[in-house]
């Protein structure tokens, strides 16, 4: 929580999954209206936190972060995709760790200017592609009220529509040219379509373990 003693809350780890289909469309979710923080907002495919004392483990070691392997965050992402969206795959998705984003935000839209709720996170960004044969999405209505695949043009239109609410972390990633716009341009190199080999190294915005401050 946010208060006078900790005006930005406690800094903690998080992750955000950006799942693209074979056509390069991004799967968005709209958070459920009963969520305590940032209800009813549109955001990327899945967002949550790596938890302590989980099996398989979800907290990465410093060498794993520096190498970009982050097996713990990958395990956390697999768990939450199943929990929030009912996504089950025969093998774990081949996540690409592209950067970390350090940001903080207060949920004044829901709770007013004195809101005690918000986020202060180092957010691990993971990209993935829908596997061969596709996948079924069955939202958990306690977590997610709607889903939608979007093209860059679709997303631009949604962002321009003032009726849509957005998570602060997604708005940063979606509108900063270093992030989602750049990844979309190099998507097939970053996360190849199912059955295709990587086309070569592509710019990811930052080094795998780089932290991108939100400003």
N, C-alpha and C. Protein backbone atom coordinates (compact mmCIF):
# COMPACT_ATOMS: atom_id res chain seq x y z
N UNK A 1 0.83 -1.20 0.00
CA UNK A 1 0.00 0.00 0.00
C UNK A 1 0.87 1.26 0.00
N UNK A 2 0.23 2.37 -0.32
CA UNK A 2 0.92 3.66 -0.43
C UNK A 2 0.49 4.54 0.73
N UNK A 3 1.45 5.11 1.45
CA UNK A 3 1.14 5.98 2.58
C UNK A 3 2.29 6.97 2.76
N UNK A 4 2.24 7.78 3.83
CA UNK A 4 3.26 8.80 4.05
C UNK A 4 4.63 8.18 4.28
N UNK A 5 4.66 7.00 4.90
CA UNK A 5 5.94 6.34 5.19
C UNK A 5 6.56 5.74 3.93
N UNK A 6 5.74 5.30 3.01
CA UNK A 6 6.24 4.73 1.75
C UNK A 6 5.38 5.28 0.60
N UNK A 7 5.64 6.52 0.19
CA UNK A 7 4.78 7.21 -0.78
C UNK A 7 4.74 6.58 -2.16
N UNK A 8 5.69 5.70 -2.48
CA UNK A 8 5.62 4.98 -3.74
C UNK A 8 5.34 3.49 -3.53
N UNK A 9 5.02 3.10 -2.31
CA UNK A 9 4.81 1.70 -2.04
C UNK A 9 6.14 0.96 -1.98
N UNK A 10 6.07 -0.35 -1.82
CA UNK A 10 7.26 -1.19 -1.74
C UNK A 10 7.62 -1.70 -3.13
N UNK A 11 8.87 -1.48 -3.52
CA UNK A 11 9.33 -1.95 -4.82
C UNK A 11 9.34 -3.48 -4.83
N UNK A 12 8.80 -4.07 -5.91
CA UNK A 12 8.73 -5.52 -5.99
C UNK A 12 8.82 -5.99 -7.44
N UNK A 13 9.05 -7.28 -7.61
CA UNK A 13 9.14 -7.87 -8.93
C UNK A 13 7.75 -8.08 -9.52
N UNK A 14 7.68 -8.03 -10.84
CA UNK A 14 6.46 -8.38 -11.57
C UNK A 14 6.88 -8.89 -12.95
N UNK A 15 5.91 -9.38 -13.69
CA UNK A 15 6.18 -9.76 -15.08
C UNK A 15 4.97 -9.41 -15.94
N UNK A 16 5.21 -9.20 -17.20
CA UNK A 16 4.14 -8.94 -18.17
C UNK A 16 4.39 -9.78 -19.41
N UNK A 17 3.37 -10.55 -19.80
CA UNK A 17 3.44 -11.39 -21.00
C UNK A 17 2.75 -10.68 -22.16
N UNK A 18 3.41 -10.69 -23.30
CA UNK A 18 2.84 -10.19 -24.55
C UNK A 18 2.79 -11.37 -25.52
N UNK A 19 1.59 -11.90 -25.74
CA UNK A 19 1.42 -13.10 -26.57
C UNK A 19 0.85 -12.69 -27.93
N UNK A 20 1.55 -13.09 -28.98
CA UNK A 20 1.17 -12.75 -30.35
C UNK A 20 0.73 -14.00 -31.10
N UNK A 21 -0.25 -13.85 -31.98
CA UNK A 21 -0.68 -15.00 -32.79
C UNK A 21 0.16 -15.09 -34.06
N UNK A 22 -0.17 -16.06 -34.92
CA UNK A 22 0.61 -16.31 -36.13
C UNK A 22 0.62 -15.09 -37.06
N UNK A 23 -0.45 -14.30 -37.03
CA UNK A 23 -0.54 -13.11 -37.88
C UNK A 23 0.13 -11.90 -37.26
N UNK A 24 0.68 -12.06 -36.07
CA UNK A 24 1.35 -10.94 -35.41
C UNK A 24 0.44 -10.08 -34.58
N UNK A 25 -0.80 -10.52 -34.36
CA UNK A 25 -1.71 -9.74 -33.52
C UNK A 25 -1.42 -10.02 -32.04
N UNK A 26 -1.55 -8.98 -31.22
CA UNK A 26 -1.28 -9.07 -29.79
C UNK A 26 -2.58 -9.37 -29.04
N UNK A 27 -2.53 -10.34 -28.13
CA UNK A 27 -3.69 -10.66 -27.30
C UNK A 27 -3.73 -9.72 -26.10
N UNK A 28 -4.80 -8.92 -26.02
CA UNK A 28 -5.03 -8.03 -24.88
C UNK A 28 -6.07 -8.64 -23.96
N UNK A 29 -6.03 -8.25 -22.70
CA UNK A 29 -7.11 -8.59 -21.78
C UNK A 29 -7.63 -7.32 -21.12
N UNK A 30 -8.91 -7.34 -20.75
CA UNK A 30 -9.49 -6.28 -19.93
C UNK A 30 -9.69 -6.84 -18.53
N UNK A 31 -9.06 -6.22 -17.56
CA UNK A 31 -9.11 -6.72 -16.19
C UNK A 31 -10.53 -6.65 -15.63
N UNK A 32 -10.84 -7.60 -14.77
CA UNK A 32 -12.17 -7.69 -14.19
C UNK A 32 -12.51 -6.44 -13.37
N UNK A 33 -13.78 -6.14 -13.27
CA UNK A 33 -14.22 -4.96 -12.54
C UNK A 33 -14.06 -5.07 -11.05
N UNK A 34 -13.87 -6.30 -10.54
CA UNK A 34 -13.73 -6.49 -9.09
C UNK A 34 -12.28 -6.44 -8.62
N UNK A 35 -11.33 -6.23 -9.52
CA UNK A 35 -9.93 -6.15 -9.11
C UNK A 35 -9.74 -4.93 -8.20
N UNK A 36 -8.90 -5.08 -7.17
CA UNK A 36 -8.69 -3.97 -6.24
C UNK A 36 -7.95 -2.82 -6.91
N UNK A 37 -6.87 -3.15 -7.63
CA UNK A 37 -6.11 -2.11 -8.33
C UNK A 37 -6.34 -2.21 -9.83
N UNK A 38 -6.55 -1.06 -10.42
CA UNK A 38 -6.72 -0.92 -11.86
C UNK A 38 -7.76 -1.88 -12.45
N UNK A 39 -9.01 -1.86 -11.88
CA UNK A 39 -10.08 -2.65 -12.48
C UNK A 39 -10.52 -2.06 -13.82
N UNK A 40 -11.06 -2.90 -14.68
CA UNK A 40 -11.68 -2.49 -15.96
C UNK A 40 -10.70 -1.96 -16.99
N UNK A 41 -9.40 -2.01 -16.69
CA UNK A 41 -8.44 -1.46 -17.66
C UNK A 41 -8.05 -2.53 -18.68
N UNK A 42 -7.73 -2.08 -19.88
CA UNK A 42 -7.13 -2.94 -20.89
C UNK A 42 -5.62 -3.01 -20.63
N UNK A 43 -5.05 -4.15 -20.92
CA UNK A 43 -3.63 -4.33 -20.69
C UNK A 43 -3.12 -5.46 -21.57
N UNK A 44 -1.84 -5.80 -21.41
CA UNK A 44 -1.25 -6.88 -22.20
C UNK A 44 -1.83 -8.23 -21.77
N UNK A 45 -1.37 -9.29 -22.39
CA UNK A 45 -1.99 -10.60 -22.26
C UNK A 45 -2.14 -11.05 -20.81
N UNK A 46 -1.11 -10.87 -20.02
CA UNK A 46 -1.11 -11.37 -18.65
C UNK A 46 -0.08 -10.60 -17.84
N UNK A 47 -0.44 -10.22 -16.62
CA UNK A 47 0.47 -9.47 -15.75
C UNK A 47 0.29 -9.99 -14.33
N UNK A 48 1.39 -10.22 -13.64
CA UNK A 48 1.28 -10.67 -12.26
C UNK A 48 2.65 -10.58 -11.59
N UNK A 49 2.84 -11.39 -10.53
CA UNK A 49 4.06 -11.32 -9.73
C UNK A 49 4.67 -12.70 -9.56
N UNK A 50 6.01 -12.75 -9.55
CA UNK A 50 6.74 -13.96 -9.21
C UNK A 50 6.60 -14.17 -7.70
N UNK A 51 6.27 -15.38 -7.29
CA UNK A 51 6.01 -15.66 -5.88
C UNK A 51 7.14 -16.46 -5.25
N UNK A 52 7.35 -16.21 -3.97
CA UNK A 52 8.33 -16.97 -3.20
C UNK A 52 7.77 -18.37 -2.87
N UNK A 53 8.69 -19.30 -2.67
CA UNK A 53 8.35 -20.63 -2.15
C UNK A 53 7.37 -21.40 -3.03
N UNK A 54 7.48 -21.22 -4.33
CA UNK A 54 6.64 -21.95 -5.27
C UNK A 54 7.42 -23.13 -5.86
N UNK A 55 6.70 -24.15 -6.29
CA UNK A 55 7.29 -25.27 -7.02
C UNK A 55 6.51 -25.45 -8.31
N UNK A 56 7.16 -25.30 -9.48
CA UNK A 56 8.56 -24.92 -9.65
C UNK A 56 8.78 -23.47 -9.20
N UNK A 57 10.02 -23.17 -8.88
CA UNK A 57 10.34 -21.86 -8.31
C UNK A 57 10.09 -20.74 -9.33
N UNK A 58 9.80 -19.55 -8.79
CA UNK A 58 9.47 -18.41 -9.64
C UNK A 58 10.39 -17.22 -9.47
N UNK A 59 11.29 -17.26 -8.50
CA UNK A 59 12.21 -16.15 -8.26
C UNK A 59 13.55 -16.47 -8.91
N UNK A 60 14.01 -15.57 -9.76
CA UNK A 60 15.26 -15.78 -10.50
C UNK A 60 16.47 -15.33 -9.68
N UNK A 61 17.59 -16.00 -9.90
CA UNK A 61 18.84 -15.57 -9.30
C UNK A 61 19.43 -14.43 -10.13
N UNK A 62 20.36 -13.70 -9.53
CA UNK A 62 21.01 -12.61 -10.27
C UNK A 62 21.70 -13.11 -11.54
N UNK A 63 22.47 -14.23 -11.49
CA UNK A 63 23.09 -14.73 -12.73
C UNK A 63 22.04 -15.08 -13.80
N UNK A 64 20.88 -15.61 -13.40
CA UNK A 64 19.84 -15.93 -14.37
C UNK A 64 19.27 -14.68 -15.02
N UNK A 65 19.14 -13.62 -14.23
CA UNK A 65 18.66 -12.36 -14.79
C UNK A 65 19.69 -11.79 -15.76
N UNK A 66 20.95 -11.81 -15.35
CA UNK A 66 22.01 -11.24 -16.19
C UNK A 66 22.17 -12.02 -17.50
N UNK A 67 21.93 -13.33 -17.45
CA UNK A 67 22.05 -14.14 -18.66
C UNK A 67 20.81 -14.07 -19.54
N UNK A 68 19.70 -13.60 -18.96
CA UNK A 68 18.45 -13.55 -19.71
C UNK A 68 17.66 -14.83 -19.68
N UNK A 69 18.10 -15.84 -18.93
CA UNK A 69 17.39 -17.13 -18.95
C UNK A 69 16.10 -17.11 -18.12
N UNK A 70 16.10 -16.41 -17.01
CA UNK A 70 14.98 -16.21 -16.08
C UNK A 70 13.97 -17.38 -16.03
N UNK A 71 14.40 -18.56 -15.64
CA UNK A 71 13.45 -19.69 -15.58
C UNK A 71 12.32 -19.47 -14.58
N UNK A 72 12.61 -18.76 -13.47
CA UNK A 72 11.56 -18.52 -12.48
C UNK A 72 10.43 -17.67 -13.04
N UNK A 73 10.77 -16.59 -13.72
CA UNK A 73 9.74 -15.73 -14.30
C UNK A 73 8.95 -16.46 -15.38
N UNK A 74 9.61 -17.33 -16.12
CA UNK A 74 8.91 -18.15 -17.12
C UNK A 74 7.90 -19.08 -16.45
N UNK A 75 8.29 -19.66 -15.32
CA UNK A 75 7.36 -20.52 -14.58
C UNK A 75 6.16 -19.72 -14.07
N UNK A 76 6.43 -18.52 -13.56
CA UNK A 76 5.34 -17.67 -13.07
C UNK A 76 4.39 -17.30 -14.21
N UNK A 77 4.95 -16.99 -15.37
CA UNK A 77 4.12 -16.62 -16.52
C UNK A 77 3.24 -17.79 -16.96
N UNK A 78 3.81 -18.98 -16.97
CA UNK A 78 3.03 -20.17 -17.34
C UNK A 78 1.88 -20.39 -16.37
N UNK A 79 2.16 -20.22 -15.07
CA UNK A 79 1.12 -20.39 -14.04
C UNK A 79 -0.01 -19.41 -14.22
N UNK A 80 0.31 -18.12 -14.45
CA UNK A 80 -0.74 -17.11 -14.52
C UNK A 80 -1.50 -17.14 -15.84
N UNK A 81 -0.86 -17.54 -16.93
CA UNK A 81 -1.61 -17.70 -18.18
C UNK A 81 -2.68 -18.77 -18.01
N UNK A 82 -2.34 -19.82 -17.26
CA UNK A 82 -3.33 -20.87 -16.99
C UNK A 82 -4.43 -20.34 -16.07
N UNK A 83 -4.04 -19.61 -15.03
CA UNK A 83 -5.01 -19.13 -14.04
C UNK A 83 -5.94 -18.07 -14.60
N UNK A 84 -5.40 -17.10 -15.31
CA UNK A 84 -6.21 -15.97 -15.78
C UNK A 84 -6.95 -16.26 -17.08
N UNK A 85 -6.31 -17.02 -17.98
CA UNK A 85 -6.86 -17.18 -19.33
C UNK A 85 -7.11 -18.63 -19.72
N UNK A 86 -6.88 -19.56 -18.81
CA UNK A 86 -7.11 -20.97 -19.13
C UNK A 86 -6.21 -21.50 -20.22
N UNK A 87 -5.05 -20.86 -20.43
CA UNK A 87 -4.15 -21.27 -21.50
C UNK A 87 -3.30 -22.45 -21.05
N UNK A 88 -3.50 -23.58 -21.70
CA UNK A 88 -2.73 -24.80 -21.45
C UNK A 88 -2.03 -25.19 -22.75
N UNK A 89 -0.76 -25.48 -22.70
CA UNK A 89 -0.02 -25.91 -23.88
C UNK A 89 0.75 -27.19 -23.55
N UNK A 90 0.93 -28.08 -24.54
CA UNK A 90 1.65 -29.33 -24.28
C UNK A 90 3.06 -29.11 -23.75
N UNK A 91 3.71 -28.05 -24.22
CA UNK A 91 5.04 -27.67 -23.75
C UNK A 91 4.99 -26.19 -23.37
N UNK A 92 5.83 -25.75 -22.43
CA UNK A 92 5.83 -24.33 -22.06
C UNK A 92 6.08 -23.44 -23.27
N UNK A 93 5.46 -22.29 -23.28
CA UNK A 93 5.70 -21.33 -24.35
C UNK A 93 7.17 -20.92 -24.35
N UNK A 94 7.68 -20.60 -25.52
CA UNK A 94 9.07 -20.18 -25.68
C UNK A 94 9.15 -18.68 -25.48
N UNK A 95 9.22 -18.25 -24.21
CA UNK A 95 9.22 -16.83 -23.89
C UNK A 95 10.54 -16.19 -24.28
N UNK A 96 10.48 -14.95 -24.78
CA UNK A 96 11.67 -14.14 -25.05
C UNK A 96 11.68 -12.98 -24.05
N UNK A 97 12.69 -12.95 -23.20
CA UNK A 97 12.86 -11.87 -22.22
C UNK A 97 13.54 -10.70 -22.92
N UNK A 98 12.83 -9.56 -23.01
CA UNK A 98 13.38 -8.45 -23.78
C UNK A 98 13.88 -7.28 -22.95
N UNK A 99 13.30 -7.05 -21.77
CA UNK A 99 13.77 -5.94 -20.95
C UNK A 99 13.08 -5.98 -19.59
N UNK A 100 13.51 -5.08 -18.70
CA UNK A 100 12.80 -4.83 -17.44
C UNK A 100 12.39 -3.37 -17.41
N UNK A 101 11.22 -3.11 -16.87
CA UNK A 101 10.68 -1.76 -16.79
C UNK A 101 10.47 -1.40 -15.32
N UNK A 102 11.11 -0.32 -14.87
CA UNK A 102 10.93 0.17 -13.49
C UNK A 102 9.95 1.34 -13.54
N UNK A 103 8.79 1.17 -12.91
CA UNK A 103 7.78 2.23 -12.93
C UNK A 103 7.01 2.20 -11.61
N UNK A 104 6.30 3.29 -11.36
CA UNK A 104 5.35 3.30 -10.25
C UNK A 104 4.13 4.10 -10.67
N UNK A 105 2.97 3.73 -10.12
CA UNK A 105 1.73 4.40 -10.47
C UNK A 105 0.73 4.22 -9.34
N UNK A 106 -0.10 5.23 -9.11
CA UNK A 106 -1.16 5.19 -8.10
C UNK A 106 -2.50 5.08 -8.81
N UNK A 107 -3.39 4.24 -8.30
CA UNK A 107 -4.70 4.05 -8.92
C UNK A 107 -5.68 5.11 -8.42
N UNK A 108 -5.51 6.32 -8.92
CA UNK A 108 -6.41 7.41 -8.53
C UNK A 108 -7.74 7.33 -9.26
N UNK A 109 -7.77 6.68 -10.42
CA UNK A 109 -9.02 6.56 -11.18
C UNK A 109 -10.07 5.81 -10.37
N UNK A 110 -9.65 4.76 -9.67
CA UNK A 110 -10.58 3.94 -8.90
C UNK A 110 -10.79 4.49 -7.50
N UNK A 111 -9.71 4.91 -6.84
CA UNK A 111 -9.77 5.20 -5.41
C UNK A 111 -9.58 6.67 -5.06
N UNK A 112 -9.46 7.55 -6.06
CA UNK A 112 -9.34 8.98 -5.79
C UNK A 112 -7.91 9.41 -5.51
N UNK A 113 -7.74 10.71 -5.27
CA UNK A 113 -6.40 11.29 -5.16
C UNK A 113 -5.65 10.79 -3.92
N UNK A 114 -6.37 10.33 -2.92
CA UNK A 114 -5.72 9.79 -1.71
C UNK A 114 -5.65 8.27 -1.74
N UNK A 115 -5.67 7.71 -2.91
CA UNK A 115 -5.66 6.25 -3.06
C UNK A 115 -4.49 5.60 -2.33
N UNK A 116 -4.76 4.53 -1.57
CA UNK A 116 -3.67 3.78 -0.94
C UNK A 116 -3.15 2.67 -1.84
N UNK A 117 -3.72 2.54 -3.04
CA UNK A 117 -3.40 1.41 -3.90
C UNK A 117 -2.66 1.86 -5.15
N UNK A 118 -1.69 1.07 -5.52
CA UNK A 118 -0.92 1.35 -6.72
C UNK A 118 0.11 0.26 -6.94
N UNK A 119 1.06 0.52 -7.81
CA UNK A 119 2.13 -0.44 -8.09
C UNK A 119 3.47 0.29 -8.17
N UNK A 120 4.51 -0.35 -7.64
CA UNK A 120 5.88 0.11 -7.78
C UNK A 120 6.69 -1.13 -8.10
N UNK A 121 7.02 -1.31 -9.38
CA UNK A 121 7.50 -2.60 -9.84
C UNK A 121 8.72 -2.49 -10.73
N UNK A 122 9.51 -3.56 -10.69
CA UNK A 122 10.45 -3.87 -11.76
C UNK A 122 9.79 -4.99 -12.54
N UNK A 123 9.32 -4.64 -13.74
CA UNK A 123 8.45 -5.50 -14.53
C UNK A 123 9.28 -6.21 -15.62
N UNK A 124 9.35 -7.53 -15.53
CA UNK A 124 10.06 -8.34 -16.52
C UNK A 124 9.13 -8.55 -17.73
N UNK A 125 9.57 -8.13 -18.91
CA UNK A 125 8.72 -8.20 -20.10
C UNK A 125 9.07 -9.45 -20.91
N UNK A 126 8.05 -10.29 -21.14
CA UNK A 126 8.22 -11.54 -21.85
C UNK A 126 7.35 -11.54 -23.10
N UNK A 127 7.95 -11.82 -24.25
CA UNK A 127 7.21 -11.98 -25.49
C UNK A 127 7.08 -13.46 -25.81
N UNK A 128 5.98 -13.84 -26.46
CA UNK A 128 5.79 -15.23 -26.88
C UNK A 128 4.87 -15.27 -28.08
N UNK A 129 4.89 -16.40 -28.78
CA UNK A 129 4.07 -16.60 -29.97
C UNK A 129 3.13 -17.78 -29.73
N UNK A 130 1.92 -17.70 -30.24
CA UNK A 130 0.97 -18.81 -30.15
C UNK A 130 1.60 -20.04 -30.81
N UNK A 131 1.60 -21.18 -30.13
CA UNK A 131 2.25 -22.37 -30.69
C UNK A 131 1.50 -22.95 -31.88
N UNK A 132 2.17 -23.83 -32.61
CA UNK A 132 1.57 -24.50 -33.76
C UNK A 132 0.31 -25.23 -33.32
N UNK A 133 -0.74 -25.08 -34.09
CA UNK A 133 -2.02 -25.68 -33.72
C UNK A 133 -2.92 -24.73 -32.94
N UNK A 134 -2.38 -23.56 -32.59
CA UNK A 134 -3.17 -22.57 -31.87
C UNK A 134 -3.35 -22.92 -30.41
N UNK A 135 -4.18 -22.17 -29.73
CA UNK A 135 -4.50 -22.43 -28.33
C UNK A 135 -5.89 -21.89 -28.01
N UNK A 136 -6.47 -22.46 -26.97
CA UNK A 136 -7.79 -22.02 -26.51
C UNK A 136 -7.61 -21.01 -25.38
N UNK A 137 -8.41 -19.97 -25.42
CA UNK A 137 -8.40 -18.95 -24.37
C UNK A 137 -9.75 -18.99 -23.67
N UNK A 138 -9.75 -19.30 -22.38
CA UNK A 138 -10.97 -19.38 -21.58
C UNK A 138 -10.79 -18.51 -20.34
N UNK A 139 -11.14 -17.21 -20.44
CA UNK A 139 -10.87 -16.28 -19.34
C UNK A 139 -11.53 -16.69 -18.03
N UNK A 140 -10.79 -16.53 -16.95
CA UNK A 140 -11.31 -16.66 -15.59
C UNK A 140 -12.00 -15.33 -15.28
N UNK A 141 -13.33 -15.34 -15.18
CA UNK A 141 -14.07 -14.09 -15.06
C UNK A 141 -13.82 -13.36 -13.76
N UNK A 142 -13.20 -14.01 -12.79
CA UNK A 142 -12.80 -13.29 -11.58
C UNK A 142 -11.57 -12.43 -11.83
N UNK A 143 -10.87 -12.70 -12.91
CA UNK A 143 -9.65 -11.98 -13.24
C UNK A 143 -9.78 -11.12 -14.50
N UNK A 144 -10.50 -11.64 -15.49
CA UNK A 144 -10.53 -11.05 -16.84
C UNK A 144 -11.97 -10.99 -17.34
N UNK A 145 -12.39 -9.81 -17.82
CA UNK A 145 -13.75 -9.69 -18.33
C UNK A 145 -13.84 -9.76 -19.85
N UNK A 146 -12.73 -9.54 -20.56
CA UNK A 146 -12.77 -9.59 -22.01
C UNK A 146 -11.35 -9.79 -22.54
N UNK A 147 -11.26 -10.36 -23.74
CA UNK A 147 -9.98 -10.50 -24.44
C UNK A 147 -10.16 -10.07 -25.88
N UNK A 148 -9.06 -9.68 -26.51
CA UNK A 148 -9.13 -9.24 -27.91
C UNK A 148 -7.74 -9.30 -28.52
N UNK A 149 -7.65 -9.87 -29.73
CA UNK A 149 -6.42 -9.79 -30.51
C UNK A 149 -6.43 -8.48 -31.30
N UNK A 150 -5.29 -7.76 -31.31
CA UNK A 150 -5.23 -6.48 -32.00
C UNK A 150 -3.99 -6.37 -32.89
N UNK A 151 -4.14 -5.67 -33.99
CA UNK A 151 -3.02 -5.25 -34.83
C UNK A 151 -2.50 -3.93 -34.30
N UNK A 152 -1.35 -3.45 -34.80
CA UNK A 152 -0.90 -2.12 -34.38
C UNK A 152 -1.95 -1.04 -34.66
N UNK A 153 -2.64 -1.13 -35.81
CA UNK A 153 -3.66 -0.13 -36.13
C UNK A 153 -4.84 -0.23 -35.19
N UNK A 154 -5.25 -1.46 -34.85
CA UNK A 154 -6.34 -1.64 -33.88
C UNK A 154 -5.98 -1.00 -32.54
N UNK A 155 -4.76 -1.25 -32.09
CA UNK A 155 -4.34 -0.72 -30.79
C UNK A 155 -4.29 0.80 -30.83
N UNK A 156 -3.81 1.36 -31.92
CA UNK A 156 -3.77 2.82 -32.04
C UNK A 156 -5.17 3.41 -31.89
N UNK A 157 -6.15 2.76 -32.52
CA UNK A 157 -7.52 3.23 -32.42
C UNK A 157 -8.07 3.11 -31.02
N UNK A 158 -7.76 2.00 -30.35
CA UNK A 158 -8.22 1.82 -28.97
C UNK A 158 -7.60 2.83 -28.03
N UNK A 159 -6.31 3.12 -28.22
CA UNK A 159 -5.64 4.10 -27.37
C UNK A 159 -6.22 5.51 -27.56
N UNK A 160 -6.69 5.78 -28.78
CA UNK A 160 -7.26 7.10 -29.06
C UNK A 160 -8.67 7.26 -28.52
N UNK A 161 -9.32 6.16 -28.20
CA UNK A 161 -10.69 6.18 -27.70
C UNK A 161 -10.67 6.44 -26.20
N UNK A 162 -11.14 7.61 -25.78
CA UNK A 162 -11.07 7.99 -24.38
C UNK A 162 -11.97 7.15 -23.48
N UNK A 163 -12.85 6.35 -24.08
CA UNK A 163 -13.70 5.47 -23.27
C UNK A 163 -12.91 4.29 -22.71
N UNK A 164 -11.77 3.98 -23.31
CA UNK A 164 -10.97 2.85 -22.86
C UNK A 164 -10.02 3.27 -21.75
N UNK A 165 -9.95 2.46 -20.71
CA UNK A 165 -8.98 2.65 -19.64
C UNK A 165 -7.80 1.71 -19.87
N UNK A 166 -6.60 2.12 -19.40
CA UNK A 166 -5.39 1.33 -19.67
C UNK A 166 -4.56 1.19 -18.40
N UNK A 167 -3.92 0.05 -18.25
CA UNK A 167 -2.98 -0.09 -17.14
C UNK A 167 -1.80 0.83 -17.39
N UNK A 168 -1.22 1.40 -16.33
CA UNK A 168 -0.10 2.33 -16.53
C UNK A 168 1.11 1.66 -17.13
N UNK A 169 1.39 0.40 -16.73
CA UNK A 169 2.56 -0.28 -17.29
C UNK A 169 2.40 -0.54 -18.78
N UNK A 170 1.18 -0.92 -19.20
CA UNK A 170 0.98 -1.19 -20.62
C UNK A 170 1.03 0.10 -21.44
N UNK A 171 0.46 1.18 -20.92
CA UNK A 171 0.50 2.43 -21.67
C UNK A 171 1.94 2.87 -21.93
N UNK A 172 2.80 2.70 -20.92
CA UNK A 172 4.22 3.04 -21.12
C UNK A 172 4.81 2.20 -22.24
N UNK A 173 4.62 0.89 -22.17
CA UNK A 173 5.22 -0.02 -23.15
C UNK A 173 4.63 0.20 -24.54
N UNK A 174 3.32 0.45 -24.61
CA UNK A 174 2.65 0.56 -25.90
C UNK A 174 2.96 1.85 -26.63
N UNK A 175 3.29 2.92 -25.89
CA UNK A 175 3.46 4.23 -26.53
C UNK A 175 4.91 4.67 -26.64
N UNK A 176 5.82 4.02 -25.93
CA UNK A 176 7.24 4.38 -26.02
C UNK A 176 7.84 3.70 -27.25
N UNK A 177 8.42 4.44 -28.19
CA UNK A 177 8.94 3.83 -29.42
C UNK A 177 10.06 2.83 -29.19
N UNK A 178 10.67 2.83 -28.01
CA UNK A 178 11.72 1.84 -27.71
C UNK A 178 11.15 0.46 -27.45
N UNK A 179 9.86 0.37 -27.18
CA UNK A 179 9.29 -0.87 -26.68
C UNK A 179 8.36 -1.50 -27.71
N UNK A 180 7.06 -1.59 -27.42
CA UNK A 180 6.16 -2.35 -28.28
C UNK A 180 6.23 -1.96 -29.75
N UNK A 181 6.24 -0.68 -30.13
CA UNK A 181 6.33 -0.38 -31.56
C UNK A 181 7.58 -0.99 -32.22
N UNK A 182 8.69 -0.98 -31.51
CA UNK A 182 9.93 -1.54 -32.04
C UNK A 182 9.86 -3.06 -32.10
N UNK A 183 9.29 -3.67 -31.04
CA UNK A 183 9.19 -5.14 -31.04
C UNK A 183 8.27 -5.61 -32.16
N UNK A 184 7.19 -4.90 -32.38
CA UNK A 184 6.25 -5.30 -33.43
C UNK A 184 6.94 -5.29 -34.80
N UNK A 185 7.79 -4.29 -35.02
CA UNK A 185 8.49 -4.20 -36.31
C UNK A 185 9.42 -5.39 -36.53
N UNK A 186 9.97 -5.95 -35.45
CA UNK A 186 10.95 -7.05 -35.54
C UNK A 186 10.39 -8.34 -34.97
N UNK A 187 9.07 -8.49 -34.97
CA UNK A 187 8.44 -9.59 -34.24
C UNK A 187 8.92 -10.96 -34.69
N UNK A 188 9.00 -11.20 -36.00
CA UNK A 188 9.37 -12.54 -36.48
C UNK A 188 10.79 -12.91 -36.10
N UNK A 189 11.65 -11.92 -35.90
CA UNK A 189 13.02 -12.21 -35.46
C UNK A 189 13.07 -12.43 -33.95
N UNK A 190 12.26 -11.68 -33.22
CA UNK A 190 12.27 -11.81 -31.76
C UNK A 190 11.58 -13.09 -31.31
N UNK A 191 10.40 -13.34 -31.84
CA UNK A 191 9.62 -14.54 -31.50
C UNK A 191 9.04 -15.11 -32.80
N UNK A 192 9.77 -16.02 -33.44
CA UNK A 192 9.34 -16.55 -34.74
C UNK A 192 7.98 -17.24 -34.67
N UNK A 193 7.31 -17.29 -35.81
CA UNK A 193 6.07 -18.07 -35.90
C UNK A 193 6.35 -19.53 -35.60
N UNK A 194 5.30 -20.24 -35.21
CA UNK A 194 5.44 -21.66 -34.90
C UNK A 194 6.04 -22.40 -36.09
N UNK A 195 7.08 -23.18 -35.83
CA UNK A 195 7.70 -23.99 -36.87
C UNK A 195 8.77 -23.28 -37.66
N UNK A 196 9.01 -21.98 -37.37
CA UNK A 196 10.02 -21.24 -38.10
C UNK A 196 11.25 -21.01 -37.22
N UNK A 197 12.42 -21.03 -37.85
CA UNK A 197 13.66 -20.74 -37.13
C UNK A 197 13.81 -19.24 -36.98
N UNK A 198 14.53 -18.78 -35.95
CA UNK A 198 14.76 -17.35 -35.79
C UNK A 198 15.42 -16.75 -37.02
N UNK A 199 15.02 -15.53 -37.36
CA UNK A 199 15.57 -14.86 -38.54
C UNK A 199 16.87 -14.14 -38.24
N UNK A 200 17.34 -14.24 -37.02
CA UNK A 200 18.56 -13.53 -36.63
C UNK A 200 18.26 -12.62 -35.47
N UNK A 201 19.29 -12.04 -34.91
CA UNK A 201 19.10 -11.18 -33.76
C UNK A 201 18.36 -9.91 -34.16
N UNK A 202 17.49 -9.47 -33.28
CA UNK A 202 16.71 -8.26 -33.53
C UNK A 202 16.78 -7.37 -32.31
N UNK A 203 16.63 -6.06 -32.49
CA UNK A 203 16.70 -5.17 -31.34
C UNK A 203 15.56 -5.42 -30.38
N UNK A 204 15.88 -5.45 -29.08
CA UNK A 204 14.85 -5.72 -28.07
C UNK A 204 14.55 -4.50 -27.21
N UNK A 205 15.19 -3.39 -27.45
CA UNK A 205 14.94 -2.18 -26.68
C UNK A 205 16.03 -1.92 -25.67
N UNK A 206 16.39 -2.93 -24.90
CA UNK A 206 17.46 -2.84 -23.91
C UNK A 206 18.17 -4.18 -23.89
N UNK A 207 19.30 -4.26 -23.23
CA UNK A 207 19.93 -5.55 -23.00
C UNK A 207 18.96 -6.41 -22.19
N UNK A 208 19.07 -7.75 -22.26
CA UNK A 208 18.09 -8.60 -21.59
C UNK A 208 17.82 -8.24 -20.16
N UNK A 209 18.84 -7.83 -19.42
CA UNK A 209 18.62 -7.50 -18.02
C UNK A 209 18.57 -6.00 -17.80
N UNK A 210 18.44 -5.21 -18.85
CA UNK A 210 18.43 -3.77 -18.70
C UNK A 210 17.16 -3.27 -18.06
N UNK A 211 17.25 -2.27 -17.22
CA UNK A 211 16.08 -1.66 -16.62
C UNK A 211 15.76 -0.37 -17.36
N UNK A 212 14.53 -0.26 -17.80
CA UNK A 212 14.11 0.94 -18.51
C UNK A 212 13.23 1.77 -17.58
N UNK A 213 13.72 2.89 -17.06
CA UNK A 213 12.90 3.67 -16.15
C UNK A 213 11.72 4.30 -16.88
N UNK A 214 10.60 4.42 -16.18
CA UNK A 214 9.39 4.98 -16.78
C UNK A 214 9.40 6.49 -16.79
N UNK A 215 10.37 7.07 -16.18
CA UNK A 215 10.46 8.52 -16.17
C UNK A 215 9.95 9.12 -14.87
